[in-house]
Amino acid sequence: MNIWARWRRIWLRMRGPRWRYVVWHTAAHGNAQTGEVYDTTAEQIRAWHRARGWRDIGYHFVVRLTGQIEEGRPLNERGAHVEGLNRVAIGICFSGHGDLAPLTEAQERAGVNLTVALCKAYNIPYWRVIGHREVNELIAQRLLAPRYQVFKTCPGRLVDMRAIRIKVKEVLDALQE
């Protein structure tokens, strides 16, 4: 590796990731038989991910059922939550299971507010707030390679990402007035 390539790598590492997306996920932690969802913590997810051989939790934030936000992986590190976008996407995981129950009002409110704060801090447009399952739309637009196709409903069938984006846009617009 030449000296310029080495300096570029060092500079990029010091600068940290360049965030362009916010990706919403579900912990998918619940009981399909009863429909009960569990209030998964960042520490529980961290333990699951470490058990898979990862060095840390893959998400940057976890939003609990009460709306409490827990920090996961630091924002100066790339995530491990959506293959193909980890270098450019902040990962937010929601406790519960988005196929069994919608987000609680507190979760949705906290998630929208967190997303708005991240969009403002990193100049991310609202239309780049996506659910994990929407990665396939990026492939269709040729913004991502086909090898990253997703076969999940994450953040869940009961989470309407179009409605979430509208709420994020409304709050962002109100803040600019």
N, C-alpha and C. Protein backbone atom coordinates (compact mmCIF):
# COMPACT_ATOMS: atom_id res chain seq x y z
N MET A 1 0.86 -1.18 0.00
CA MET A 1 0.00 0.00 0.00
C MET A 1 0.90 1.24 0.00
N ASN A 2 0.59 2.19 -0.87
CA ASN A 2 1.43 3.39 -0.90
C ASN A 2 1.10 4.32 0.26
N ILE A 3 1.96 5.30 0.46
CA ILE A 3 1.83 6.21 1.61
C ILE A 3 0.52 6.99 1.58
N TRP A 4 0.06 7.41 0.39
CA TRP A 4 -1.18 8.18 0.31
C TRP A 4 -2.39 7.33 0.68
N ALA A 5 -2.41 6.10 0.25
CA ALA A 5 -3.51 5.21 0.61
C ALA A 5 -3.53 4.97 2.12
N ARG A 6 -2.35 4.82 2.71
CA ARG A 6 -2.26 4.61 4.16
C ARG A 6 -2.77 5.84 4.91
N TRP A 7 -2.36 7.03 4.48
CA TRP A 7 -2.83 8.26 5.12
C TRP A 7 -4.34 8.44 4.96
N ARG A 8 -4.85 8.07 3.81
CA ARG A 8 -6.30 8.18 3.59
C ARG A 8 -7.06 7.27 4.56
N ARG A 9 -6.57 6.04 4.72
CA ARG A 9 -7.21 5.10 5.67
C ARG A 9 -7.17 5.66 7.08
N ILE A 10 -6.04 6.22 7.47
CA ILE A 10 -5.92 6.80 8.82
C ILE A 10 -6.88 7.97 8.97
N TRP A 11 -6.93 8.85 7.96
CA TRP A 11 -7.82 10.01 8.01
C TRP A 11 -9.28 9.58 8.11
N LEU A 12 -9.68 8.58 7.31
CA LEU A 12 -11.06 8.11 7.35
C LEU A 12 -11.40 7.51 8.70
N ARG A 13 -10.45 6.79 9.29
CA ARG A 13 -10.68 6.19 10.59
C ARG A 13 -10.85 7.27 11.66
N MET A 14 -10.03 8.31 11.59
CA MET A 14 -10.12 9.41 12.56
C MET A 14 -11.42 10.18 12.40
N ARG A 15 -11.83 10.38 11.17
CA ARG A 15 -13.05 11.13 10.88
C ARG A 15 -14.29 10.36 11.27
N GLY A 16 -14.20 9.06 11.26
CA GLY A 16 -15.36 8.23 11.56
C GLY A 16 -16.21 8.01 10.33
N PRO A 17 -17.27 7.25 10.46
CA PRO A 17 -18.14 6.96 9.31
C PRO A 17 -18.84 8.21 8.79
N ARG A 18 -19.21 8.17 7.53
CA ARG A 18 -20.00 9.24 6.92
C ARG A 18 -21.43 8.71 6.78
N TRP A 19 -22.28 9.12 7.70
CA TRP A 19 -23.63 8.57 7.75
C TRP A 19 -24.50 9.15 6.65
N ARG A 20 -25.20 8.25 5.92
CA ARG A 20 -26.11 8.67 4.84
C ARG A 20 -27.52 8.09 5.00
N TYR A 21 -27.68 7.10 5.87
CA TYR A 21 -28.98 6.46 6.09
C TYR A 21 -29.20 6.23 7.57
N VAL A 22 -30.47 6.14 7.95
CA VAL A 22 -30.87 5.63 9.25
C VAL A 22 -31.75 4.43 8.95
N VAL A 23 -31.39 3.28 9.52
CA VAL A 23 -32.13 2.04 9.24
C VAL A 23 -32.80 1.57 10.53
N TRP A 24 -34.11 1.35 10.43
CA TRP A 24 -34.91 0.86 11.56
C TRP A 24 -34.98 -0.66 11.51
N HIS A 25 -34.86 -1.27 12.69
CA HIS A 25 -34.89 -2.73 12.84
C HIS A 25 -35.84 -3.12 13.98
N THR A 26 -36.16 -4.38 14.04
CA THR A 26 -36.86 -4.94 15.19
C THR A 26 -35.97 -5.98 15.84
N ALA A 27 -36.08 -6.12 17.14
CA ALA A 27 -35.34 -7.18 17.84
C ALA A 27 -35.94 -8.54 17.50
N ALA A 28 -37.17 -8.56 16.98
CA ALA A 28 -37.88 -9.80 16.65
C ALA A 28 -37.88 -10.74 17.84
N HIS A 29 -38.20 -10.17 18.99
CA HIS A 29 -38.16 -10.91 20.25
C HIS A 29 -39.57 -10.96 20.83
N GLY A 30 -40.21 -12.10 20.63
CA GLY A 30 -41.56 -12.27 21.12
C GLY A 30 -42.00 -13.72 20.99
N ASN A 31 -43.25 -13.97 21.36
CA ASN A 31 -43.81 -15.30 21.31
C ASN A 31 -44.92 -15.33 20.26
N ALA A 32 -44.66 -15.99 19.15
CA ALA A 32 -45.63 -16.03 18.04
C ALA A 32 -46.92 -16.73 18.45
N GLN A 33 -46.84 -17.66 19.40
CA GLN A 33 -48.03 -18.39 19.86
C GLN A 33 -49.01 -17.47 20.60
N THR A 34 -48.46 -16.61 21.46
CA THR A 34 -49.31 -15.75 22.29
C THR A 34 -49.42 -14.32 21.77
N GLY A 35 -48.50 -13.94 20.88
CA GLY A 35 -48.47 -12.56 20.39
C GLY A 35 -47.75 -11.61 21.34
N GLU A 36 -47.22 -12.16 22.42
CA GLU A 36 -46.51 -11.34 23.40
C GLU A 36 -45.16 -10.91 22.82
N VAL A 37 -44.81 -9.64 23.08
CA VAL A 37 -43.50 -9.14 22.66
C VAL A 37 -42.69 -8.82 23.91
N TYR A 38 -41.38 -8.91 23.77
CA TYR A 38 -40.49 -8.72 24.92
C TYR A 38 -39.74 -7.40 24.83
N ASP A 39 -39.53 -6.79 25.98
CA ASP A 39 -38.84 -5.50 26.07
C ASP A 39 -37.33 -5.74 26.11
N THR A 40 -36.78 -6.04 24.96
CA THR A 40 -35.38 -6.41 24.83
C THR A 40 -34.46 -5.23 25.13
N THR A 41 -33.38 -5.50 25.85
CA THR A 41 -32.42 -4.46 26.19
C THR A 41 -31.22 -4.49 25.25
N ALA A 42 -30.47 -3.41 25.24
CA ALA A 42 -29.24 -3.36 24.45
C ALA A 42 -28.26 -4.43 24.94
N GLU A 43 -28.23 -4.66 26.24
CA GLU A 43 -27.31 -5.67 26.79
C GLU A 43 -27.69 -7.07 26.33
N GLN A 44 -28.98 -7.38 26.25
CA GLN A 44 -29.40 -8.68 25.74
C GLN A 44 -28.96 -8.86 24.29
N ILE A 45 -29.18 -7.85 23.48
CA ILE A 45 -28.81 -7.93 22.07
C ILE A 45 -27.29 -8.03 21.94
N ARG A 46 -26.57 -7.28 22.76
CA ARG A 46 -25.11 -7.35 22.76
C ARG A 46 -24.66 -8.79 23.04
N ALA A 47 -25.29 -9.42 24.01
CA ALA A 47 -24.94 -10.81 24.35
C ALA A 47 -25.24 -11.75 23.19
N TRP A 48 -26.39 -11.56 22.51
CA TRP A 48 -26.73 -12.39 21.35
C TRP A 48 -25.68 -12.23 20.25
N HIS A 49 -25.32 -10.98 19.98
CA HIS A 49 -24.37 -10.72 18.90
C HIS A 49 -22.98 -11.25 19.24
N ARG A 50 -22.57 -11.09 20.48
CA ARG A 50 -21.26 -11.63 20.88
C ARG A 50 -21.25 -13.15 20.81
N ALA A 51 -22.38 -13.77 21.14
CA ALA A 51 -22.48 -15.24 21.05
C ALA A 51 -22.33 -15.70 19.60
N ARG A 52 -22.65 -14.83 18.64
CA ARG A 52 -22.48 -15.15 17.22
C ARG A 52 -21.06 -14.86 16.73
N GLY A 53 -20.21 -14.39 17.65
CA GLY A 53 -18.82 -14.11 17.30
C GLY A 53 -18.54 -12.66 16.93
N TRP A 54 -19.55 -11.81 17.04
CA TRP A 54 -19.33 -10.39 16.76
C TRP A 54 -18.63 -9.76 17.95
N ARG A 55 -17.94 -8.66 17.73
CA ARG A 55 -17.22 -8.04 18.84
C ARG A 55 -18.11 -7.17 19.72
N ASP A 56 -19.28 -6.76 19.20
CA ASP A 56 -20.17 -5.88 19.96
C ASP A 56 -21.57 -5.96 19.36
N ILE A 57 -22.50 -5.27 19.97
CA ILE A 57 -23.85 -5.15 19.42
C ILE A 57 -23.74 -4.49 18.04
N GLY A 58 -24.58 -4.90 17.12
CA GLY A 58 -24.52 -4.37 15.76
C GLY A 58 -25.21 -3.03 15.59
N TYR A 59 -26.17 -2.70 16.47
CA TYR A 59 -26.97 -1.48 16.35
C TYR A 59 -26.35 -0.33 17.14
N HIS A 60 -26.63 0.88 16.73
CA HIS A 60 -26.13 2.04 17.45
C HIS A 60 -27.05 2.43 18.61
N PHE A 61 -28.34 2.12 18.45
CA PHE A 61 -29.32 2.45 19.50
C PHE A 61 -30.36 1.34 19.60
N VAL A 62 -30.93 1.20 20.80
CA VAL A 62 -32.06 0.31 21.03
C VAL A 62 -33.15 1.15 21.69
N VAL A 63 -34.37 1.07 21.16
CA VAL A 63 -35.50 1.81 21.72
C VAL A 63 -36.41 0.80 22.39
N ARG A 64 -36.53 0.92 23.70
CA ARG A 64 -37.33 -0.01 24.50
C ARG A 64 -38.82 0.29 24.35
N LEU A 65 -39.67 -0.62 24.83
CA LEU A 65 -41.12 -0.46 24.71
C LEU A 65 -41.62 0.81 25.39
N THR A 66 -40.91 1.24 26.44
CA THR A 66 -41.30 2.46 27.17
C THR A 66 -40.86 3.73 26.47
N GLY A 67 -40.07 3.60 25.39
CA GLY A 67 -39.52 4.76 24.71
C GLY A 67 -38.12 5.12 25.17
N GLN A 68 -37.65 4.43 26.19
CA GLN A 68 -36.28 4.67 26.67
C GLN A 68 -35.29 4.29 25.57
N ILE A 69 -34.30 5.13 25.36
CA ILE A 69 -33.30 4.88 24.34
C ILE A 69 -32.01 4.44 25.01
N GLU A 70 -31.50 3.30 24.58
CA GLU A 70 -30.23 2.79 25.11
C GLU A 70 -29.19 2.85 24.00
N GLU A 71 -27.98 3.22 24.38
CA GLU A 71 -26.90 3.27 23.41
C GLU A 71 -26.35 1.88 23.16
N GLY A 72 -26.02 1.63 21.92
CA GLY A 72 -25.40 0.38 21.54
C GLY A 72 -23.97 0.64 21.11
N ARG A 73 -23.67 0.34 19.88
CA ARG A 73 -22.34 0.59 19.33
C ARG A 73 -22.14 2.11 19.22
N PRO A 74 -20.96 2.60 19.54
CA PRO A 74 -20.72 4.05 19.43
C PRO A 74 -20.88 4.55 18.00
N LEU A 75 -21.31 5.80 17.86
CA LEU A 75 -21.54 6.37 16.53
C LEU A 75 -20.26 6.65 15.75
N ASN A 76 -19.12 6.59 16.42
CA ASN A 76 -17.88 6.77 15.68
C ASN A 76 -17.39 5.45 15.08
N GLU A 77 -18.21 4.40 15.22
CA GLU A 77 -17.89 3.10 14.64
C GLU A 77 -19.01 2.68 13.69
N ARG A 78 -18.62 2.03 12.60
CA ARG A 78 -19.66 1.54 11.70
C ARG A 78 -20.43 0.41 12.38
N GLY A 79 -21.67 0.25 11.96
CA GLY A 79 -22.53 -0.76 12.55
C GLY A 79 -22.31 -2.13 11.96
N ALA A 80 -23.11 -3.08 12.43
CA ALA A 80 -23.14 -4.44 11.90
C ALA A 80 -24.60 -4.87 11.91
N HIS A 81 -25.42 -4.17 11.12
CA HIS A 81 -26.86 -4.38 11.19
C HIS A 81 -27.52 -4.53 9.83
N VAL A 82 -26.87 -4.09 8.75
CA VAL A 82 -27.47 -4.25 7.43
C VAL A 82 -26.34 -4.36 6.41
N GLU A 83 -26.12 -5.57 5.97
CA GLU A 83 -25.01 -5.84 5.06
C GLU A 83 -25.11 -4.96 3.82
N GLY A 84 -23.99 -4.39 3.46
CA GLY A 84 -23.94 -3.51 2.30
C GLY A 84 -24.08 -2.04 2.65
N LEU A 85 -24.64 -1.73 3.82
CA LEU A 85 -24.83 -0.33 4.22
C LEU A 85 -24.16 0.00 5.56
N ASN A 86 -23.51 -0.96 6.18
CA ASN A 86 -22.97 -0.73 7.51
C ASN A 86 -22.04 0.47 7.61
N ARG A 87 -21.31 0.75 6.55
CA ARG A 87 -20.37 1.88 6.57
C ARG A 87 -21.08 3.23 6.52
N VAL A 88 -22.32 3.24 6.06
CA VAL A 88 -23.02 4.52 5.85
C VAL A 88 -24.37 4.60 6.56
N ALA A 89 -24.73 3.62 7.36
CA ALA A 89 -26.06 3.59 7.97
C ALA A 89 -26.00 3.46 9.49
N ILE A 90 -26.75 4.31 10.15
CA ILE A 90 -26.93 4.23 11.60
C ILE A 90 -28.07 3.25 11.85
N GLY A 91 -27.85 2.29 12.74
CA GLY A 91 -28.86 1.27 13.04
C GLY A 91 -29.60 1.54 14.33
N ILE A 92 -30.93 1.58 14.24
CA ILE A 92 -31.79 1.71 15.42
C ILE A 92 -32.63 0.45 15.51
N CYS A 93 -32.56 -0.24 16.64
CA CYS A 93 -33.34 -1.46 16.86
C CYS A 93 -34.44 -1.17 17.87
N PHE A 94 -35.63 -1.67 17.58
CA PHE A 94 -36.77 -1.48 18.47
C PHE A 94 -37.08 -2.78 19.18
N SER A 95 -37.19 -2.72 20.51
CA SER A 95 -37.58 -3.90 21.29
C SER A 95 -38.92 -4.40 20.80
N GLY A 96 -39.18 -5.65 21.07
CA GLY A 96 -40.44 -6.24 20.65
C GLY A 96 -40.28 -7.01 19.35
N HIS A 97 -41.39 -7.15 18.64
CA HIS A 97 -41.38 -7.91 17.39
C HIS A 97 -42.39 -7.25 16.45
N GLY A 98 -41.90 -6.58 15.43
CA GLY A 98 -42.74 -5.81 14.53
C GLY A 98 -43.71 -6.61 13.68
N ASP A 99 -43.60 -7.94 13.70
CA ASP A 99 -44.59 -8.76 13.01
C ASP A 99 -45.72 -9.17 13.96
N LEU A 100 -45.48 -9.07 15.26
CA LEU A 100 -46.47 -9.49 16.25
C LEU A 100 -47.25 -8.32 16.85
N ALA A 101 -46.61 -7.16 16.94
CA ALA A 101 -47.26 -5.99 17.53
C ALA A 101 -46.61 -4.74 16.95
N PRO A 102 -47.41 -3.69 16.76
CA PRO A 102 -46.81 -2.43 16.28
C PRO A 102 -45.94 -1.83 17.38
N LEU A 103 -45.15 -0.84 17.01
CA LEU A 103 -44.39 -0.11 18.02
C LEU A 103 -45.35 0.53 19.00
N THR A 104 -44.93 0.65 20.25
CA THR A 104 -45.76 1.39 21.21
C THR A 104 -45.71 2.87 20.83
N GLU A 105 -46.68 3.64 21.31
CA GLU A 105 -46.67 5.08 21.02
C GLU A 105 -45.37 5.70 21.52
N ALA A 106 -44.93 5.28 22.71
CA ALA A 106 -43.69 5.82 23.28
C ALA A 106 -42.48 5.45 22.42
N GLN A 107 -42.46 4.24 21.91
CA GLN A 107 -41.36 3.82 21.03
C GLN A 107 -41.34 4.63 19.75
N GLU A 108 -42.51 4.77 19.13
CA GLU A 108 -42.57 5.50 17.87
C GLU A 108 -42.14 6.95 18.07
N ARG A 109 -42.64 7.58 19.13
CA ARG A 109 -42.29 8.97 19.41
C ARG A 109 -40.78 9.10 19.65
N ALA A 110 -40.23 8.22 20.47
CA ALA A 110 -38.78 8.26 20.76
C ALA A 110 -37.98 7.97 19.50
N GLY A 111 -38.43 7.00 18.71
CA GLY A 111 -37.72 6.65 17.48
C GLY A 111 -37.72 7.78 16.47
N VAL A 112 -38.87 8.45 16.32
CA VAL A 112 -38.96 9.59 15.40
C VAL A 112 -38.05 10.71 15.90
N ASN A 113 -38.10 11.04 17.19
CA ASN A 113 -37.27 12.12 17.72
C ASN A 113 -35.78 11.81 17.60
N LEU A 114 -35.40 10.57 17.88
CA LEU A 114 -34.00 10.16 17.73
C LEU A 114 -33.58 10.27 16.26
N THR A 115 -34.43 9.80 15.38
CA THR A 115 -34.13 9.84 13.95
C THR A 115 -34.00 11.29 13.47
N VAL A 116 -34.87 12.16 13.92
CA VAL A 116 -34.79 13.57 13.55
C VAL A 116 -33.46 14.16 14.02
N ALA A 117 -33.08 13.86 15.25
CA ALA A 117 -31.82 14.37 15.79
C ALA A 117 -30.64 13.87 14.95
N LEU A 118 -30.66 12.61 14.55
CA LEU A 118 -29.58 12.05 13.74
C LEU A 118 -29.58 12.67 12.34
N CYS A 119 -30.77 12.85 11.77
CA CYS A 119 -30.86 13.47 10.45
C CYS A 119 -30.28 14.88 10.48
N LYS A 120 -30.61 15.64 11.52
CA LYS A 120 -30.08 17.00 11.63
C LYS A 120 -28.57 16.99 11.86
N ALA A 121 -28.12 16.13 12.74
CA ALA A 121 -26.69 16.10 13.10
C ALA A 121 -25.81 15.69 11.92
N TYR A 122 -26.32 14.79 11.09
CA TYR A 122 -25.49 14.24 10.01
C TYR A 122 -26.00 14.61 8.62
N ASN A 123 -26.94 15.55 8.57
CA ASN A 123 -27.48 16.03 7.30
C ASN A 123 -28.01 14.88 6.43
N ILE A 124 -28.81 14.03 7.05
CA ILE A 124 -29.42 12.89 6.35
C ILE A 124 -30.84 13.30 5.96
N PRO A 125 -31.20 13.23 4.69
CA PRO A 125 -32.57 13.58 4.29
C PRO A 125 -33.58 12.53 4.79
N TYR A 126 -34.79 12.98 5.04
CA TYR A 126 -35.81 12.09 5.61
C TYR A 126 -36.06 10.86 4.74
N TRP A 127 -35.91 10.99 3.43
CA TRP A 127 -36.21 9.85 2.55
C TRP A 127 -35.14 8.76 2.65
N ARG A 128 -34.06 9.03 3.37
CA ARG A 128 -33.05 8.00 3.60
C ARG A 128 -33.22 7.34 4.97
N VAL A 129 -34.40 7.47 5.53
CA VAL A 129 -34.78 6.72 6.73
C VAL A 129 -35.54 5.51 6.21
N ILE A 130 -34.98 4.33 6.41
CA ILE A 130 -35.57 3.13 5.82
C ILE A 130 -35.69 2.01 6.84
N GLY A 131 -36.61 1.12 6.56
CA GLY A 131 -36.68 -0.12 7.31
C GLY A 131 -35.72 -1.12 6.68
N HIS A 132 -35.23 -2.04 7.47
CA HIS A 132 -34.28 -3.03 6.97
C HIS A 132 -34.80 -3.73 5.71
N ARG A 133 -36.09 -4.03 5.70
CA ARG A 133 -36.68 -4.73 4.55
C ARG A 133 -36.61 -3.90 3.27
N GLU A 134 -36.45 -2.59 3.38
CA GLU A 134 -36.45 -1.70 2.22
C GLU A 134 -35.11 -1.65 1.50
N VAL A 135 -34.14 -2.38 2.00
CA VAL A 135 -32.84 -2.46 1.32
C VAL A 135 -33.03 -2.93 -0.12
N ASN A 136 -34.00 -3.80 -0.34
CA ASN A 136 -34.24 -4.31 -1.69
C ASN A 136 -34.62 -3.19 -2.67
N GLU A 137 -35.24 -2.13 -2.17
CA GLU A 137 -35.57 -1.00 -3.04
C GLU A 137 -34.30 -0.28 -3.48
N LEU A 138 -33.29 -0.25 -2.62
CA LEU A 138 -32.01 0.34 -3.00
C LEU A 138 -31.33 -0.50 -4.08
N ILE A 139 -31.52 -1.81 -4.00
CA ILE A 139 -30.99 -2.70 -5.04
C ILE A 139 -31.71 -2.43 -6.36
N ALA A 140 -33.03 -2.27 -6.31
CA ALA A 140 -33.81 -2.01 -7.52
C ALA A 140 -33.40 -0.68 -8.16
N GLN A 141 -33.00 0.29 -7.33
CA GLN A 141 -32.56 1.59 -7.84
C GLN A 141 -31.07 1.57 -8.24
N ARG A 142 -30.47 0.41 -8.13
CA ARG A 142 -29.04 0.22 -8.44
C ARG A 142 -28.13 1.04 -7.54
N LEU A 143 -28.59 1.27 -6.30
CA LEU A 143 -27.77 1.96 -5.32
C LEU A 143 -27.00 0.97 -4.44
N LEU A 144 -27.34 -0.28 -4.57
CA LEU A 144 -26.72 -1.33 -3.77
C LEU A 144 -26.65 -2.60 -4.61
N ALA A 145 -25.61 -3.38 -4.42
CA ALA A 145 -25.41 -4.59 -5.21
C ALA A 145 -26.46 -5.65 -4.86
N PRO A 146 -26.89 -6.45 -5.85
CA PRO A 146 -27.92 -7.47 -5.62
C PRO A 146 -27.55 -8.51 -4.56
N ARG A 147 -26.28 -8.69 -4.28
CA ARG A 147 -25.89 -9.70 -3.28
C ARG A 147 -26.36 -9.34 -1.87
N TYR A 148 -26.83 -8.11 -1.67
CA TYR A 148 -27.28 -7.68 -0.35
C TYR A 148 -28.80 -7.80 -0.17
N GLN A 149 -29.46 -8.53 -1.02
CA GLN A 149 -30.91 -8.68 -0.95
C GLN A 149 -31.34 -9.19 0.43
N VAL A 150 -32.47 -8.67 0.89
CA VAL A 150 -33.00 -9.00 2.22
C VAL A 150 -34.28 -9.81 2.07
N PHE A 151 -34.40 -10.84 2.87
CA PHE A 151 -35.60 -11.68 2.85
C PHE A 151 -36.27 -11.62 4.22
N LYS A 152 -36.38 -10.42 4.77
CA LYS A 152 -36.96 -10.21 6.10
C LYS A 152 -38.09 -9.19 6.01
N THR A 153 -38.92 -9.14 7.03
CA THR A 153 -39.95 -8.11 7.12
C THR A 153 -39.50 -6.97 8.03
N CYS A 154 -38.33 -7.06 8.57
CA CYS A 154 -37.75 -6.13 9.54
C CYS A 154 -37.87 -4.68 9.06
N PRO A 155 -38.40 -3.78 9.85
CA PRO A 155 -38.69 -3.85 11.28
C PRO A 155 -40.04 -4.46 11.63
N GLY A 156 -40.67 -5.09 10.67
CA GLY A 156 -41.92 -5.80 10.93
C GLY A 156 -43.05 -5.33 10.04
N ARG A 157 -43.97 -6.23 9.77
CA ARG A 157 -45.12 -5.91 8.91
C ARG A 157 -46.02 -4.85 9.53
N LEU A 158 -45.95 -4.70 10.85
CA LEU A 158 -46.83 -3.75 11.54
C LEU A 158 -46.16 -2.39 11.75
N VAL A 159 -45.02 -2.17 11.11
CA VAL A 159 -44.33 -0.89 11.17
C VAL A 159 -44.37 -0.28 9.76
N ASP A 160 -45.11 0.81 9.62
CA ASP A 160 -45.30 1.47 8.34
C ASP A 160 -44.19 2.51 8.14
N MET A 161 -43.18 2.17 7.39
CA MET A 161 -42.05 3.07 7.22
C MET A 161 -42.41 4.33 6.43
N ARG A 162 -43.41 4.26 5.55
CA ARG A 162 -43.84 5.48 4.84
C ARG A 162 -44.40 6.49 5.84
N ALA A 163 -45.21 6.00 6.77
CA ALA A 163 -45.78 6.88 7.79
C ALA A 163 -44.68 7.42 8.71
N ILE A 164 -43.69 6.61 9.00
CA ILE A 164 -42.57 7.06 9.84
C ILE A 164 -41.82 8.19 9.13
N ARG A 165 -41.54 8.01 7.85
CA ARG A 165 -40.83 9.05 7.10
C ARG A 165 -41.62 10.36 7.06
N ILE A 166 -42.94 10.25 6.93
CA ILE A 166 -43.78 11.46 6.93
C ILE A 166 -43.65 12.18 8.27
N LYS A 167 -43.67 11.43 9.36
CA LYS A 167 -43.54 12.04 10.70
C LYS A 167 -42.16 12.69 10.86
N VAL A 168 -41.13 12.00 10.40
CA VAL A 168 -39.77 12.57 10.48
C VAL A 168 -39.71 13.87 9.68
N LYS A 169 -40.28 13.84 8.47
CA LYS A 169 -40.28 15.05 7.62
C LYS A 169 -41.03 16.19 8.30
N GLU A 170 -42.19 15.90 8.88
CA GLU A 170 -42.98 16.94 9.55
C GLU A 170 -42.19 17.60 10.68
N VAL A 171 -41.51 16.79 11.47
CA VAL A 171 -40.73 17.36 12.58
C VAL A 171 -39.55 18.16 12.05
N LEU A 172 -38.85 17.63 11.04
CA LEU A 172 -37.73 18.35 10.44
C LEU A 172 -38.21 19.69 9.86
N ASP A 173 -39.34 19.68 9.16
CA ASP A 173 -39.89 20.91 8.58
C ASP A 173 -40.24 21.92 9.66
N ALA A 174 -40.85 21.44 10.74
CA ALA A 174 -41.24 22.34 11.84
C ALA A 174 -40.00 22.97 12.50
N LEU A 175 -38.93 22.22 12.56
CA LEU A 175 -37.70 22.75 13.17
C LEU A 175 -37.05 23.82 12.30
N GLN A 176 -37.32 23.79 11.00
CA GLN A 176 -36.72 24.78 10.09
C GLN A 176 -37.52 26.06 10.00
N GLU A 177 -38.72 26.06 10.53
CA GLU A 177 -39.57 27.26 10.45
C GLU A 177 -39.18 28.28 11.49
